[in-house]
Amino acid sequence: MDMKIILSGVDQLSWVIVLLLCVTIGLAPFSPPHIIEKLTMLITGTLTQPLDIFDLCFHGFPWIILILKLFVTYNREKKQI
């Protein structure tokens, strides 16, 4: 898939939706956040179970969207200057 299409789709997402996804799915469950637990497992090399890998992808996806949204917005603003 062409990266321009993906970035265009991310650009069309509302900031409210992206932040809401990060706060809900990205941090759930809230004590401790799954994403922190799974990233710790990834760093220590204990992320081996399929369910844990799925959890990392599922809870990490909103954060990837947020990073892409920041990238697209920054580059758009930079070109307008």
N, C-alpha and C. Protein backbone atom coordinates (compact mmCIF):
# COMPACT_ATOMS: atom_id res chain seq x y z
N MET A 1 0.85 -1.17 0.00
CA MET A 1 0.00 0.00 0.00
C MET A 1 0.89 1.24 0.00
N ASP A 2 0.48 2.24 -0.73
CA ASP A 2 1.27 3.46 -0.86
C ASP A 2 1.25 4.25 0.45
N MET A 3 2.41 4.72 0.89
CA MET A 3 2.53 5.45 2.15
C MET A 3 1.75 6.75 2.12
N LYS A 4 1.64 7.39 0.95
CA LYS A 4 0.88 8.64 0.84
C LYS A 4 -0.59 8.42 1.17
N ILE A 5 -1.12 7.28 0.76
CA ILE A 5 -2.53 6.96 1.06
C ILE A 5 -2.72 6.79 2.55
N ILE A 6 -1.80 6.09 3.20
CA ILE A 6 -1.89 5.87 4.64
C ILE A 6 -1.79 7.20 5.38
N LEU A 7 -0.80 8.02 5.03
CA LEU A 7 -0.63 9.31 5.70
C LEU A 7 -1.81 10.24 5.45
N SER A 8 -2.40 10.16 4.27
CA SER A 8 -3.58 10.96 3.97
C SER A 8 -4.76 10.53 4.85
N GLY A 9 -4.90 9.23 5.02
CA GLY A 9 -5.96 8.72 5.90
C GLY A 9 -5.76 9.13 7.34
N VAL A 10 -4.52 9.07 7.81
CA VAL A 10 -4.21 9.48 9.18
C VAL A 10 -4.48 10.98 9.34
N ASP A 11 -4.14 11.76 8.32
CA ASP A 11 -4.35 13.21 8.38
C ASP A 11 -5.83 13.55 8.49
N GLN A 12 -6.70 12.73 7.90
CA GLN A 12 -8.13 13.00 7.94
C GLN A 12 -8.77 12.64 9.28
N LEU A 13 -8.07 11.87 10.11
CA LEU A 13 -8.61 11.53 11.42
C LEU A 13 -8.63 12.76 12.32
N SER A 14 -9.65 12.86 13.11
CA SER A 14 -9.77 13.96 14.07
C SER A 14 -8.80 13.76 15.22
N TRP A 15 -8.24 14.87 15.73
CA TRP A 15 -7.35 14.80 16.89
C TRP A 15 -8.09 14.20 18.09
N VAL A 16 -9.36 14.53 18.23
CA VAL A 16 -10.15 14.02 19.35
C VAL A 16 -10.23 12.50 19.29
N ILE A 17 -10.48 11.96 18.11
CA ILE A 17 -10.57 10.51 17.94
C ILE A 17 -9.23 9.85 18.26
N VAL A 18 -8.15 10.41 17.74
CA VAL A 18 -6.82 9.82 17.96
C VAL A 18 -6.47 9.84 19.45
N LEU A 19 -6.70 10.96 20.11
CA LEU A 19 -6.39 11.05 21.54
C LEU A 19 -7.30 10.16 22.37
N LEU A 20 -8.56 10.06 21.97
CA LEU A 20 -9.49 9.18 22.68
C LEU A 20 -9.06 7.72 22.56
N LEU A 21 -8.60 7.32 21.37
CA LEU A 21 -8.09 5.97 21.18
C LEU A 21 -6.87 5.70 22.06
N CYS A 22 -5.97 6.69 22.15
CA CYS A 22 -4.76 6.52 22.97
C CYS A 22 -5.11 6.38 24.45
N VAL A 23 -6.06 7.19 24.90
CA VAL A 23 -6.42 7.17 26.33
C VAL A 23 -7.19 5.91 26.68
N THR A 24 -8.04 5.44 25.78
CA THR A 24 -8.85 4.26 26.11
C THR A 24 -8.11 2.97 25.76
N ILE A 25 -8.00 2.66 24.48
CA ILE A 25 -7.38 1.40 24.06
C ILE A 25 -5.89 1.39 24.35
N GLY A 26 -5.23 2.53 24.15
CA GLY A 26 -3.78 2.60 24.33
C GLY A 26 -3.32 2.42 25.76
N LEU A 27 -4.17 2.79 26.72
CA LEU A 27 -3.76 2.68 28.12
C LEU A 27 -4.51 1.60 28.90
N ALA A 28 -5.55 1.01 28.31
CA ALA A 28 -6.34 0.01 29.03
C ALA A 28 -5.55 -1.26 29.25
N PRO A 29 -5.73 -2.01 30.29
CA PRO A 29 -6.32 -1.57 31.55
C PRO A 29 -5.43 -0.55 32.21
N PHE A 30 -5.99 0.29 33.02
CA PHE A 30 -5.30 1.49 33.48
C PHE A 30 -4.31 1.26 34.61
N SER A 31 -4.35 0.13 35.26
CA SER A 31 -3.43 -0.08 36.38
C SER A 31 -2.85 -1.48 36.34
N PRO A 32 -1.67 -1.73 35.89
CA PRO A 32 -0.80 -0.86 35.08
C PRO A 32 -1.22 -0.94 33.62
N PRO A 33 -0.91 0.08 32.83
CA PRO A 33 -1.26 0.03 31.40
C PRO A 33 -0.61 -1.16 30.70
N HIS A 34 -1.40 -1.85 29.90
CA HIS A 34 -0.91 -3.04 29.18
C HIS A 34 0.27 -2.70 28.27
N ILE A 35 0.23 -1.53 27.67
CA ILE A 35 1.30 -1.17 26.72
C ILE A 35 2.65 -1.09 27.44
N ILE A 36 2.66 -0.58 28.66
CA ILE A 36 3.91 -0.51 29.44
C ILE A 36 4.39 -1.91 29.77
N GLU A 37 3.46 -2.75 30.19
CA GLU A 37 3.81 -4.14 30.53
C GLU A 37 4.37 -4.88 29.30
N LYS A 38 3.72 -4.71 28.16
CA LYS A 38 4.15 -5.42 26.95
C LYS A 38 5.47 -4.86 26.40
N LEU A 39 5.67 -3.56 26.50
CA LEU A 39 6.95 -2.98 26.08
C LEU A 39 8.09 -3.46 26.98
N THR A 40 7.82 -3.59 28.26
CA THR A 40 8.81 -4.12 29.20
C THR A 40 9.15 -5.56 28.83
N MET A 41 8.12 -6.34 28.50
CA MET A 41 8.36 -7.73 28.08
C MET A 41 9.18 -7.77 26.79
N LEU A 42 8.90 -6.85 25.87
CA LEU A 42 9.65 -6.80 24.61
C LEU A 42 11.12 -6.48 24.86
N ILE A 43 11.37 -5.53 25.74
CA ILE A 43 12.75 -5.12 26.05
C ILE A 43 13.51 -6.24 26.75
N THR A 44 12.84 -6.94 27.66
CA THR A 44 13.52 -8.00 28.41
C THR A 44 13.58 -9.32 27.65
N GLY A 45 12.88 -9.40 26.51
CA GLY A 45 12.93 -10.61 25.71
C GLY A 45 11.96 -11.69 26.13
N THR A 46 10.97 -11.34 26.94
CA THR A 46 10.00 -12.34 27.41
C THR A 46 8.67 -12.26 26.65
N LEU A 47 8.61 -11.48 25.60
CA LEU A 47 7.40 -11.35 24.78
C LEU A 47 7.39 -12.48 23.75
N THR A 48 6.91 -13.65 24.16
CA THR A 48 6.97 -14.81 23.29
C THR A 48 5.60 -15.42 23.00
N GLN A 49 4.64 -15.22 23.85
CA GLN A 49 3.31 -15.80 23.66
C GLN A 49 2.53 -15.04 22.61
N PRO A 50 1.79 -15.73 21.74
CA PRO A 50 1.00 -15.06 20.71
C PRO A 50 0.02 -14.02 21.27
N LEU A 51 -0.60 -14.32 22.41
CA LEU A 51 -1.54 -13.37 23.00
C LEU A 51 -0.83 -12.10 23.45
N ASP A 52 0.37 -12.23 23.98
CA ASP A 52 1.14 -11.05 24.39
C ASP A 52 1.54 -10.21 23.18
N ILE A 53 1.91 -10.85 22.09
CA ILE A 53 2.27 -10.12 20.87
C ILE A 53 1.05 -9.40 20.32
N PHE A 54 -0.11 -10.08 20.32
CA PHE A 54 -1.35 -9.44 19.90
C PHE A 54 -1.67 -8.24 20.78
N ASP A 55 -1.51 -8.39 22.11
CA ASP A 55 -1.76 -7.28 23.04
C ASP A 55 -0.86 -6.09 22.73
N LEU A 56 0.40 -6.34 22.44
CA LEU A 56 1.32 -5.25 22.11
C LEU A 56 0.84 -4.52 20.86
N CYS A 57 0.46 -5.27 19.85
CA CYS A 57 -0.03 -4.65 18.61
C CYS A 57 -1.33 -3.90 18.84
N PHE A 58 -2.25 -4.51 19.58
CA PHE A 58 -3.57 -3.92 19.82
C PHE A 58 -3.47 -2.63 20.63
N HIS A 59 -2.71 -2.66 21.71
CA HIS A 59 -2.59 -1.48 22.58
C HIS A 59 -1.58 -0.47 22.04
N GLY A 60 -0.71 -0.90 21.14
CA GLY A 60 0.27 0.01 20.55
C GLY A 60 -0.22 0.74 19.32
N PHE A 61 -1.24 0.18 18.64
CA PHE A 61 -1.74 0.76 17.41
C PHE A 61 -2.18 2.22 17.56
N PRO A 62 -2.94 2.59 18.61
CA PRO A 62 -3.32 4.00 18.74
C PRO A 62 -2.11 4.94 18.88
N TRP A 63 -1.07 4.47 19.53
CA TRP A 63 0.13 5.30 19.71
C TRP A 63 0.86 5.48 18.39
N ILE A 64 0.85 4.46 17.55
CA ILE A 64 1.46 4.58 16.22
C ILE A 64 0.68 5.58 15.39
N ILE A 65 -0.65 5.53 15.48
CA ILE A 65 -1.49 6.49 14.77
C ILE A 65 -1.20 7.91 15.26
N LEU A 66 -1.03 8.08 16.57
CA LEU A 66 -0.72 9.40 17.14
C LEU A 66 0.61 9.91 16.61
N ILE A 67 1.61 9.07 16.58
CA ILE A 67 2.93 9.47 16.07
C ILE A 67 2.84 9.86 14.60
N LEU A 68 2.12 9.07 13.81
CA LEU A 68 1.94 9.41 12.39
C LEU A 68 1.18 10.72 12.23
N LYS A 69 0.16 10.94 13.05
CA LYS A 69 -0.62 12.18 12.98
C LYS A 69 0.26 13.38 13.32
N LEU A 70 1.10 13.26 14.34
CA LEU A 70 2.04 14.33 14.69
C LEU A 70 3.01 14.60 13.54
N PHE A 71 3.51 13.54 12.92
CA PHE A 71 4.44 13.66 11.80
C PHE A 71 3.79 14.40 10.62
N VAL A 72 2.59 13.99 10.27
CA VAL A 72 1.88 14.60 9.14
C VAL A 72 1.58 16.07 9.44
N THR A 73 1.11 16.35 10.63
CA THR A 73 0.78 17.73 11.01
C THR A 73 2.02 18.61 11.02
N TYR A 74 3.11 18.10 11.56
CA TYR A 74 4.35 18.86 11.62
C TYR A 74 4.85 19.17 10.21
N ASN A 75 4.84 18.19 9.34
CA ASN A 75 5.32 18.40 7.98
C ASN A 75 4.41 19.35 7.18
N ARG A 76 3.11 19.28 7.43
CA ARG A 76 2.18 20.18 6.75
C ARG A 76 2.42 21.62 7.21
N GLU A 77 2.59 21.80 8.51
CA GLU A 77 2.84 23.15 9.06
C GLU A 77 4.18 23.69 8.60
N LYS A 78 5.17 22.83 8.50
CA LYS A 78 6.51 23.22 8.09
C LYS A 78 6.50 23.72 6.64
N LYS A 79 5.71 23.11 5.78
CA LYS A 79 5.63 23.50 4.37
C LYS A 79 4.89 24.82 4.18
N GLN A 80 4.03 25.19 5.12
CA GLN A 80 3.26 26.43 4.98
C GLN A 80 4.07 27.64 5.39
N ILE A 81 5.18 27.44 6.08
CA ILE A 81 6.00 28.58 6.52
C ILE A 81 6.82 29.11 5.39
